[in-house]
Amino acid sequence: MALLDLLGRRWALRVIWELTQIDGPTFRELQERCGSISSSVLTQRLAELAEAGIVGRADRGYELTPHGRELSADLLRLERWADRWAEQADT
């Protein structure tokens, strides 16, 4: 599965984002933080992200792997670029 296909799936980026905000959330904590995500979709996204080497199991919950932390840093850089682009598009 190509990475961009995975990241484009509903809730995938939100799961990654939430894992950058809290250390080792349990499944229920992660589900609550993601709002209206169903347990079956969260289970599927976690499995796909784990298969891609982005998410792993922590002592009591889930965490980003080293690849996942690197990806989240790159996504933050992309967000900053998008903000600059939006500002230029508005002028």
PDB file of N, CA and C in Angstrom:
ATOM      1  N   MET A   1       0.850  -1.165   0.000  1.00  0.00           N
ATOM      2  CA  MET A   1       0.000   0.000   0.000  1.00  0.00           C
ATOM      3  C   MET A   1       0.901   1.235   0.000  1.00  0.00           C
ATOM      4  N   ALA A   2       0.637   2.120  -0.902  1.00  0.00           N
ATOM      5  CA  ALA A   2       1.441   3.340  -0.984  1.00  0.00           C
ATOM      6  C   ALA A   2       1.127   4.250   0.202  1.00  0.00           C
ATOM      7  N   LEU A   3       2.131   4.926   0.684  1.00  0.00           N
ATOM      8  CA  LEU A   3       1.966   5.763   1.874  1.00  0.00           C
ATOM      9  C   LEU A   3       0.903   6.833   1.678  1.00  0.00           C
ATOM     10  N   LEU A   4       0.901   7.497   0.534  1.00  0.00           N
ATOM     11  CA  LEU A   4      -0.085   8.555   0.328  1.00  0.00           C
ATOM     12  C   LEU A   4      -1.501   8.001   0.272  1.00  0.00           C
ATOM     13  N   ASP A   5      -1.663   6.797  -0.246  1.00  0.00           N
ATOM     14  CA  ASP A   5      -2.985   6.162  -0.211  1.00  0.00           C
ATOM     15  C   ASP A   5      -3.416   5.929   1.233  1.00  0.00           C
ATOM     16  N   LEU A   6      -2.506   5.466   2.051  1.00  0.00           N
ATOM     17  CA  LEU A   6      -2.819   5.224   3.457  1.00  0.00           C
ATOM     18  C   LEU A   6      -3.150   6.529   4.169  1.00  0.00           C
ATOM     19  N   LEU A   7      -2.330   7.551   3.976  1.00  0.00           N
ATOM     20  CA  LEU A   7      -2.553   8.817   4.653  1.00  0.00           C
ATOM     21  C   LEU A   7      -3.826   9.508   4.185  1.00  0.00           C
ATOM     22  N   GLY A   8      -4.259   9.196   2.969  1.00  0.00           N
ATOM     23  CA  GLY A   8      -5.477   9.774   2.435  1.00  0.00           C
ATOM     24  C   GLY A   8      -6.748   9.109   2.937  1.00  0.00           C
ATOM     25  N   ARG A   9      -6.607   8.002   3.635  1.00  0.00           N
ATOM     26  CA  ARG A   9      -7.790   7.327   4.174  1.00  0.00           C
ATOM     27  C   ARG A   9      -8.349   8.120   5.344  1.00  0.00           C
ATOM     28  N   ARG A  10      -9.667   8.074   5.431  1.00  0.00           N
ATOM     29  CA  ARG A  10     -10.344   8.831   6.480  1.00  0.00           C
ATOM     30  C   ARG A  10      -9.794   8.445   7.851  1.00  0.00           C
ATOM     31  N   TRP A  11      -9.496   9.435   8.652  1.00  0.00           N
ATOM     32  CA  TRP A  11      -9.036   9.334  10.032  1.00  0.00           C
ATOM     33  C   TRP A  11      -7.551   9.010  10.185  1.00  0.00           C
ATOM     34  N   ALA A  12      -6.845   8.628   9.143  1.00  0.00           N
ATOM     35  CA  ALA A  12      -5.441   8.237   9.297  1.00  0.00           C
ATOM     36  C   ALA A  12      -4.601   9.397   9.834  1.00  0.00           C
ATOM     37  N   LEU A  13      -4.709  10.562   9.214  1.00  0.00           N
ATOM     38  CA  LEU A  13      -3.925  11.707   9.677  1.00  0.00           C
ATOM     39  C   LEU A  13      -4.356  12.157  11.068  1.00  0.00           C
ATOM     40  N   ARG A  14      -5.622  12.043  11.375  1.00  0.00           N
ATOM     41  CA  ARG A  14      -6.100  12.421  12.708  1.00  0.00           C
ATOM     42  C   ARG A  14      -5.498  11.506  13.773  1.00  0.00           C
ATOM     43  N   VAL A  15      -5.426  10.211  13.482  1.00  0.00           N
ATOM     44  CA  VAL A  15      -4.828   9.278  14.432  1.00  0.00           C
ATOM     45  C   VAL A  15      -3.360   9.644  14.661  1.00  0.00           C
ATOM     46  N   ILE A  16      -2.645   9.916  13.585  1.00  0.00           N
ATOM     47  CA  ILE A  16      -1.233  10.305  13.713  1.00  0.00           C
ATOM     48  C   ILE A  16      -1.129  11.582  14.534  1.00  0.00           C
ATOM     49  N   TRP A  17      -1.962  12.572  14.237  1.00  0.00           N
ATOM     50  CA  TRP A  17      -1.943  13.836  14.977  1.00  0.00           C
ATOM     51  C   TRP A  17      -2.170  13.605  16.471  1.00  0.00           C
ATOM     52  N   GLU A  18      -3.183  12.822  16.797  1.00  0.00           N
ATOM     53  CA  GLU A  18      -3.486  12.580  18.213  1.00  0.00           C
ATOM     54  C   GLU A  18      -2.340  11.866  18.910  1.00  0.00           C
ATOM     55  N   LEU A  19      -1.639  11.003  18.208  1.00  0.00           N
ATOM     56  CA  LEU A  19      -0.507  10.306  18.816  1.00  0.00           C
ATOM     57  C   LEU A  19       0.679  11.239  19.050  1.00  0.00           C
ATOM     58  N   THR A  20       0.696  12.392  18.379  1.00  0.00           N
ATOM     59  CA  THR A  20       1.736  13.382  18.668  1.00  0.00           C
ATOM     60  C   THR A  20       1.368  14.231  19.872  1.00  0.00           C
ATOM     61  N   GLN A  21       0.108  14.211  20.272  1.00  0.00           N
ATOM     62  CA  GLN A  21      -0.386  15.078  21.337  1.00  0.00           C
ATOM     63  C   GLN A  21      -0.390  14.435  22.715  1.00  0.00           C
ATOM     64  N   ILE A  22      -0.398  13.112  22.786  1.00  0.00           N
ATOM     65  CA  ILE A  22      -0.508  12.415  24.074  1.00  0.00           C
ATOM     66  C   ILE A  22       0.378  11.168  24.028  1.00  0.00           C
ATOM     67  N   ASP A  23       1.024  10.874  25.122  1.00  0.00           N
ATOM     68  CA  ASP A  23       1.914   9.714  25.188  1.00  0.00           C
ATOM     69  C   ASP A  23       1.128   8.436  25.476  1.00  0.00           C
ATOM     70  N   GLY A  24       1.242   7.470  24.586  1.00  0.00           N
ATOM     71  CA  GLY A  24       0.722   6.129  24.803  1.00  0.00           C
ATOM     72  C   GLY A  24      -0.750   6.007  25.128  1.00  0.00           C
ATOM     73  N   PRO A  25      -1.635   6.673  24.377  1.00  0.00           N
ATOM     74  CA  PRO A  25      -3.051   6.552  24.720  1.00  0.00           C
ATOM     75  C   PRO A  25      -3.565   5.130  24.518  1.00  0.00           C
ATOM     76  N   THR A  26      -4.522   4.751  25.348  1.00  0.00           N
ATOM     77  CA  THR A  26      -5.193   3.468  25.151  1.00  0.00           C
ATOM     78  C   THR A  26      -6.120   3.603  23.944  1.00  0.00           C
ATOM     79  N   PHE A  27      -6.673   2.490  23.516  1.00  0.00           N
ATOM     80  CA  PHE A  27      -7.606   2.494  22.401  1.00  0.00           C
ATOM     81  C   PHE A  27      -8.776   3.436  22.707  1.00  0.00           C
ATOM     82  N   ARG A  28      -9.349   3.318  23.887  1.00  0.00           N
ATOM     83  CA  ARG A  28     -10.506   4.157  24.253  1.00  0.00           C
ATOM     84  C   ARG A  28     -10.135   5.634  24.317  1.00  0.00           C
ATOM     85  N   GLU A  29      -8.968   5.953  24.867  1.00  0.00           N
ATOM     86  CA  GLU A  29      -8.534   7.350  24.910  1.00  0.00           C
ATOM     87  C   GLU A  29      -8.358   7.906  23.504  1.00  0.00           C
ATOM     88  N   LEU A  30      -7.751   7.115  22.638  1.00  0.00           N
ATOM     89  CA  LEU A  30      -7.546   7.546  21.264  1.00  0.00           C
ATOM     90  C   LEU A  30      -8.887   7.725  20.554  1.00  0.00           C
ATOM     91  N   GLN A  31      -9.805   6.813  20.782  1.00  0.00           N
ATOM     92  CA  GLN A  31     -11.127   6.916  20.169  1.00  0.00           C
ATOM     93  C   GLN A  31     -11.849   8.182  20.644  1.00  0.00           C
ATOM     94  N   GLU A  32     -11.772   8.482  21.922  1.00  0.00           N
ATOM     95  CA  GLU A  32     -12.401   9.697  22.458  1.00  0.00           C
ATOM     96  C   GLU A  32     -11.788  10.951  21.857  1.00  0.00           C
ATOM     97  N   ARG A  33     -10.473  10.960  21.715  1.00  0.00           N
ATOM     98  CA  ARG A  33      -9.793  12.128  21.163  1.00  0.00           C
ATOM     99  C   ARG A  33     -10.124  12.335  19.694  1.00  0.00           C
ATOM    100  N   CYS A  34     -10.466  11.257  18.999  1.00  0.00           N
ATOM    101  CA  CYS A  34     -10.794  11.355  17.575  1.00  0.00           C
ATOM    102  C   CYS A  34     -12.268  11.659  17.338  1.00  0.00           C
ATOM    103  N   GLY A  35     -13.039  11.852  18.392  1.00  0.00           N
ATOM    104  CA  GLY A  35     -14.425  12.259  18.216  1.00  0.00           C
ATOM    105  C   GLY A  35     -15.330  11.140  17.756  1.00  0.00           C
ATOM    106  N   SER A  36     -15.814  11.237  16.541  1.00  0.00           N
ATOM    107  CA  SER A  36     -16.857  10.322  16.075  1.00  0.00           C
ATOM    108  C   SER A  36     -16.340   9.091  15.327  1.00  0.00           C
ATOM    109  N   ILE A  37     -15.084   8.752  15.476  1.00  0.00           N
ATOM    110  CA  ILE A  37     -14.547   7.577  14.790  1.00  0.00           C
ATOM    111  C   ILE A  37     -15.132   6.310  15.422  1.00  0.00           C
ATOM    112  N   SER A  38     -15.527   5.375  14.579  1.00  0.00           N
ATOM    113  CA  SER A  38     -16.064   4.112  15.095  1.00  0.00           C
ATOM    114  C   SER A  38     -14.914   3.206  15.531  1.00  0.00           C
ATOM    115  N   SER A  39     -15.210   2.278  16.413  1.00  0.00           N
ATOM    116  CA  SER A  39     -14.162   1.376  16.892  1.00  0.00           C
ATOM    117  C   SER A  39     -13.626   0.506  15.760  1.00  0.00           C
ATOM    118  N   SER A  40     -14.487   0.115  14.823  1.00  0.00           N
ATOM    119  CA  SER A  40     -14.012  -0.727  13.711  1.00  0.00           C
ATOM    120  C   SER A  40     -13.081   0.045  12.789  1.00  0.00           C
ATOM    121  N   VAL A  41     -13.381   1.319  12.528  1.00  0.00           N
ATOM    122  CA  VAL A  41     -12.500   2.127  11.675  1.00  0.00           C
ATOM    123  C   VAL A  41     -11.186   2.402  12.387  1.00  0.00           C
ATOM    124  N   LEU A  42     -11.240   2.721  13.671  1.00  0.00           N
ATOM    125  CA  LEU A  42     -10.006   2.956  14.422  1.00  0.00           C
ATOM    126  C   LEU A  42      -9.147   1.702  14.445  1.00  0.00           C
ATOM    127  N   THR A  43      -9.755   0.564  14.663  1.00  0.00           N
ATOM    128  CA  THR A  43      -9.012  -0.699  14.648  1.00  0.00           C
ATOM    129  C   THR A  43      -8.333  -0.901  13.304  1.00  0.00           C
ATOM    130  N   GLN A  44      -9.063  -0.634  12.243  1.00  0.00           N
ATOM    131  CA  GLN A  44      -8.513  -0.812  10.890  1.00  0.00           C
ATOM    132  C   GLN A  44      -7.376   0.164  10.626  1.00  0.00           C
ATOM    133  N   ARG A  45      -7.558   1.439  10.992  1.00  0.00           N
ATOM    134  CA  ARG A  45      -6.495   2.422  10.761  1.00  0.00           C
ATOM    135  C   ARG A  45      -5.253   2.094  11.577  1.00  0.00           C
ATOM    136  N   LEU A  46      -5.425   1.707  12.819  1.00  0.00           N
ATOM    137  CA  LEU A  46      -4.265   1.346  13.644  1.00  0.00           C
ATOM    138  C   LEU A  46      -3.530   0.161  13.048  1.00  0.00           C
ATOM    139  N   ALA A  47      -4.266  -0.818  12.542  1.00  0.00           N
ATOM    140  CA  ALA A  47      -3.634  -1.988  11.919  1.00  0.00           C
ATOM    141  C   ALA A  47      -2.871  -1.583  10.673  1.00  0.00           C
ATOM    142  N   GLU A  48      -3.464  -0.729   9.850  1.00  0.00           N
ATOM    143  CA  GLU A  48      -2.796  -0.289   8.620  1.00  0.00           C
ATOM    144  C   GLU A  48      -1.565   0.550   8.931  1.00  0.00           C
ATOM    145  N   LEU A  49      -1.680   1.451   9.898  1.00  0.00           N
ATOM    146  CA  LEU A  49      -0.540   2.279  10.274  1.00  0.00           C
ATOM    147  C   LEU A  49       0.561   1.437  10.917  1.00  0.00           C
ATOM    148  N   ALA A  50       0.189   0.413  11.655  1.00  0.00           N
ATOM    149  CA  ALA A  50       1.179  -0.495  12.236  1.00  0.00           C
ATOM    150  C   ALA A  50       1.870  -1.302  11.141  1.00  0.00           C
ATOM    151  N   GLU A  51       1.099  -1.775  10.173  1.00  0.00           N
ATOM    152  CA  GLU A  51       1.684  -2.533   9.058  1.00  0.00           C
ATOM    153  C   GLU A  51       2.675  -1.684   8.271  1.00  0.00           C
ATOM    154  N   ALA A  52       2.390  -0.385   8.184  1.00  0.00           N
ATOM    155  CA  ALA A  52       3.277   0.539   7.473  1.00  0.00           C
ATOM    156  C   ALA A  52       4.466   0.972   8.326  1.00  0.00           C
ATOM    157  N   GLY A  53       4.502   0.550   9.600  1.00  0.00           N
ATOM    158  CA  GLY A  53       5.618   0.902  10.475  1.00  0.00           C
ATOM    159  C   GLY A  53       5.535   2.295  11.055  1.00  0.00           C
ATOM    160  N   ILE A  54       4.323   2.870  11.096  1.00  0.00           N
ATOM    161  CA  ILE A  54       4.141   4.234  11.583  1.00  0.00           C
ATOM    162  C   ILE A  54       3.674   4.249  13.037  1.00  0.00           C
ATOM    163  N   VAL A  55       2.888   3.274  13.415  1.00  0.00           N
ATOM    164  CA  VAL A  55       2.334   3.181  14.769  1.00  0.00           C
ATOM    165  C   VAL A  55       2.737   1.844  15.375  1.00  0.00           C
ATOM    166  N   GLY A  56       2.991   1.860  16.664  1.00  0.00           N
ATOM    167  CA  GLY A  56       3.303   0.628  17.377  1.00  0.00           C
ATOM    168  C   GLY A  56       2.592   0.611  18.720  1.00  0.00           C
ATOM    169  N   ARG A  57       2.700  -0.509  19.398  1.00  0.00           N
ATOM    170  CA  ARG A  57       2.100  -0.642  20.730  1.00  0.00           C
ATOM    171  C   ARG A  57       3.047  -0.067  21.772  1.00  0.00           C
ATOM    172  N   ALA A  58       2.486   0.663  22.707  1.00  0.00           N
ATOM    173  CA  ALA A  58       3.237   1.169  23.859  1.00  0.00           C
ATOM    174  C   ALA A  58       2.929   0.265  25.039  1.00  0.00           C
ATOM    175  N   ASP A  59       3.449   0.599  26.200  1.00  0.00           N
ATOM    176  CA  ASP A  59       3.202  -0.220  27.391  1.00  0.00           C
ATOM    177  C   ASP A  59       1.719  -0.451  27.626  1.00  0.00           C
ATOM    178  N   ARG A  60       0.930   0.599  27.526  1.00  0.00           N
ATOM    179  CA  ARG A  60      -0.495   0.463  27.797  1.00  0.00           C
ATOM    180  C   ARG A  60      -1.382   0.878  26.629  1.00  0.00           C
ATOM    181  N   GLY A  61      -0.794   1.355  25.545  1.00  0.00           N
ATOM    182  CA  GLY A  61      -1.592   1.852  24.434  1.00  0.00           C
ATOM    183  C   GLY A  61      -0.824   1.868  23.131  1.00  0.00           C
ATOM    184  N   TYR A  62      -0.863   3.012  22.461  1.00  0.00           N
ATOM    185  CA  TYR A  62      -0.260   3.152  21.137  1.00  0.00           C
ATOM    186  C   TYR A  62       0.706   4.323  21.118  1.00  0.00           C
ATOM    187  N   GLU A  63       1.669   4.263  20.189  1.00  0.00           N
ATOM    188  CA  GLU A  63       2.638   5.338  20.046  1.00  0.00           C
ATOM    189  C   GLU A  63       3.138   5.364  18.610  1.00  0.00           C
ATOM    190  N   LEU A  64       3.717   6.498  18.240  1.00  0.00           N
ATOM    191  CA  LEU A  64       4.368   6.587  16.945  1.00  0.00           C
ATOM    192  C   LEU A  64       5.715   5.887  17.029  1.00  0.00           C
ATOM    193  N   THR A  65       6.058   5.178  15.989  1.00  0.00           N
ATOM    194  CA  THR A  65       7.380   4.564  15.887  1.00  0.00           C
ATOM    195  C   THR A  65       8.373   5.651  15.483  1.00  0.00           C
ATOM    196  N   PRO A  66       9.652   5.349  15.426  1.00  0.00           N
ATOM    197  CA  PRO A  66      10.598   6.355  14.915  1.00  0.00           C
ATOM    198  C   PRO A  66      10.212   6.845  13.514  1.00  0.00           C
ATOM    199  N   HIS A  67       9.753   5.939  12.646  1.00  0.00           N
ATOM    200  CA  HIS A  67       9.291   6.362  11.316  1.00  0.00           C
ATOM    201  C   HIS A  67       8.064   7.263  11.435  1.00  0.00           C
ATOM    202  N   GLY A  68       7.179   6.953  12.359  1.00  0.00           N
ATOM    203  CA  GLY A  68       5.989   7.763  12.565  1.00  0.00           C
ATOM    204  C   GLY A  68       6.323   9.153  13.079  1.00  0.00           C
ATOM    205  N   ARG A  69       7.295   9.244  13.974  1.00  0.00           N
ATOM    206  CA  ARG A  69       7.713  10.559  14.480  1.00  0.00           C
ATOM    207  C   ARG A  69       8.369  11.376  13.368  1.00  0.00           C
ATOM    208  N   GLU A  70       9.152  10.718  12.527  1.00  0.00           N
ATOM    209  CA  GLU A  70       9.764  11.407  11.393  1.00  0.00           C
ATOM    210  C   GLU A  70       8.682  11.901  10.435  1.00  0.00           C
ATOM    211  N   LEU A  71       7.704  11.059  10.171  1.00  0.00           N
ATOM    212  CA  LEU A  71       6.592  11.442   9.291  1.00  0.00           C
ATOM    213  C   LEU A  71       5.831  12.628   9.871  1.00  0.00           C
ATOM    214  N   SER A  72       5.536  12.607  11.160  1.00  0.00           N
ATOM    215  CA  SER A  72       4.779  13.716  11.758  1.00  0.00           C
ATOM    216  C   SER A  72       5.564  15.020  11.667  1.00  0.00           C
ATOM    217  N   ALA A  73       6.882  14.968  11.813  1.00  0.00           N
ATOM    218  CA  ALA A  73       7.703  16.175  11.658  1.00  0.00           C
ATOM    219  C   ALA A  73       7.620  16.694  10.224  1.00  0.00           C
ATOM    220  N   ASP A  74       7.638  15.791   9.263  1.00  0.00           N
ATOM    221  CA  ASP A  74       7.517  16.192   7.855  1.00  0.00           C
ATOM    222  C   ASP A  74       6.133  16.763   7.573  1.00  0.00           C
ATOM    223  N   LEU A  75       5.105  16.203   8.194  1.00  0.00           N
ATOM    224  CA  LEU A  75       3.750  16.725   8.007  1.00  0.00           C
ATOM    225  C   LEU A  75       3.628  18.135   8.589  1.00  0.00           C
ATOM    226  N   LEU A  76       4.307  18.400   9.693  1.00  0.00           N
ATOM    227  CA  LEU A  76       4.293  19.750  10.261  1.00  0.00           C
ATOM    228  C   LEU A  76       4.974  20.741   9.329  1.00  0.00           C
ATOM    229  N   ARG A  77       6.049  20.316   8.687  1.00  0.00           N
ATOM    230  CA  ARG A  77       6.708  21.183   7.704  1.00  0.00           C
ATOM    231  C   ARG A  77       5.777  21.455   6.528  1.00  0.00           C
ATOM    232  N   LEU A  78       5.055  20.440   6.098  1.00  0.00           N
ATOM    233  CA  LEU A  78       4.089  20.607   5.014  1.00  0.00           C
ATOM    234  C   LEU A  78       2.982  21.579   5.425  1.00  0.00           C
ATOM    235  N   GLU A  79       2.541  21.495   6.672  1.00  0.00           N
ATOM    236  CA  GLU A  79       1.513  22.416   7.159  1.00  0.00           C
ATOM    237  C   GLU A  79       2.016  23.853   7.134  1.00  0.00           C
ATOM    238  N   ARG A  80       3.255  24.070   7.554  1.00  0.00           N
ATOM    239  CA  ARG A  80       3.819  25.420   7.519  1.00  0.00           C
ATOM    240  C   ARG A  80       3.905  25.928   6.090  1.00  0.00           C
ATOM    241  N   TRP A  81       4.308  25.065   5.162  1.00  0.00           N
ATOM    242  CA  TRP A  81       4.357  25.441   3.750  1.00  0.00           C
ATOM    243  C   TRP A  81       2.965  25.806   3.259  1.00  0.00           C
ATOM    244  N   ALA A  82       1.962  25.013   3.619  1.00  0.00           N
ATOM    245  CA  ALA A  82       0.587  25.269   3.186  1.00  0.00           C
ATOM    246  C   ALA A  82       0.080  26.600   3.741  1.00  0.00           C
ATOM    247  N   ASP A  83       0.445  26.928   4.972  1.00  0.00           N
ATOM    248  CA  ASP A  83       0.049  28.216   5.550  1.00  0.00           C
ATOM    249  C   ASP A  83       0.648  29.369   4.757  1.00  0.00           C
ATOM    250  N   ARG A  84       1.927  29.265   4.403  1.00  0.00           N
ATOM    251  CA  ARG A  84       2.569  30.321   3.602  1.00  0.00           C
ATOM    252  C   ARG A  84       1.908  30.427   2.237  1.00  0.00           C
ATOM    253  N   TRP A  85       1.618  29.295   1.632  1.00  0.00           N
ATOM    254  CA  TRP A  85       0.964  29.281   0.327  1.00  0.00           C
ATOM    255  C   TRP A  85      -0.415  29.933   0.400  1.00  0.00           C
ATOM    256  N   ALA A  86      -1.177  29.626   1.445  1.00  0.00           N
ATOM    257  CA  ALA A  86      -2.508  30.207   1.598  1.00  0.00           C
ATOM    258  C   ALA A  86      -2.441  31.719   1.766  1.00  0.00           C
ATOM    259  N   GLU A  87      -1.448  32.182   2.521  1.00  0.00           N
ATOM    260  CA  GLU A  87      -1.292  33.622   2.694  1.00  0.00           C
ATOM    261  C   GLU A  87      -1.003  34.300   1.359  1.00  0.00           C
ATOM    262  N   GLN A  88      -0.173  33.708   0.538  1.00  0.00           N
ATOM    263  CA  GLN A  88       0.159  34.272  -0.764  1.00  0.00           C
ATOM    264  C   GLN A  88      -1.036  34.220  -1.709  1.00  0.00           C
ATOM    265  N   ALA A  89      -1.831  33.168  -1.606  1.00  0.00           N
ATOM    266  CA  ALA A  89      -2.997  33.024  -2.471  1.00  0.00           C
ATOM    267  C   ALA A  89      -4.064  34.072  -2.137  1.00  0.00           C
ATOM    268  N   ASP A  90      -4.099  34.501  -0.873  1.00  0.00           N
ATOM    269  CA  ASP A  90      -5.089  35.496  -0.445  1.00  0.00           C
ATOM    270  C   ASP A  90      -4.732  36.906  -0.889  1.00  0.00           C
ATOM    271  N   THR A  91      -3.473  37.140  -1.232  1.00  0.00           N
ATOM    272  CA  THR A  91      -3.075  38.502  -1.606  1.00  0.00           C
ATOM    273  C   THR A  91      -3.163  38.747  -3.074  1.00  0.00           C
TER     274      THR A  91
END
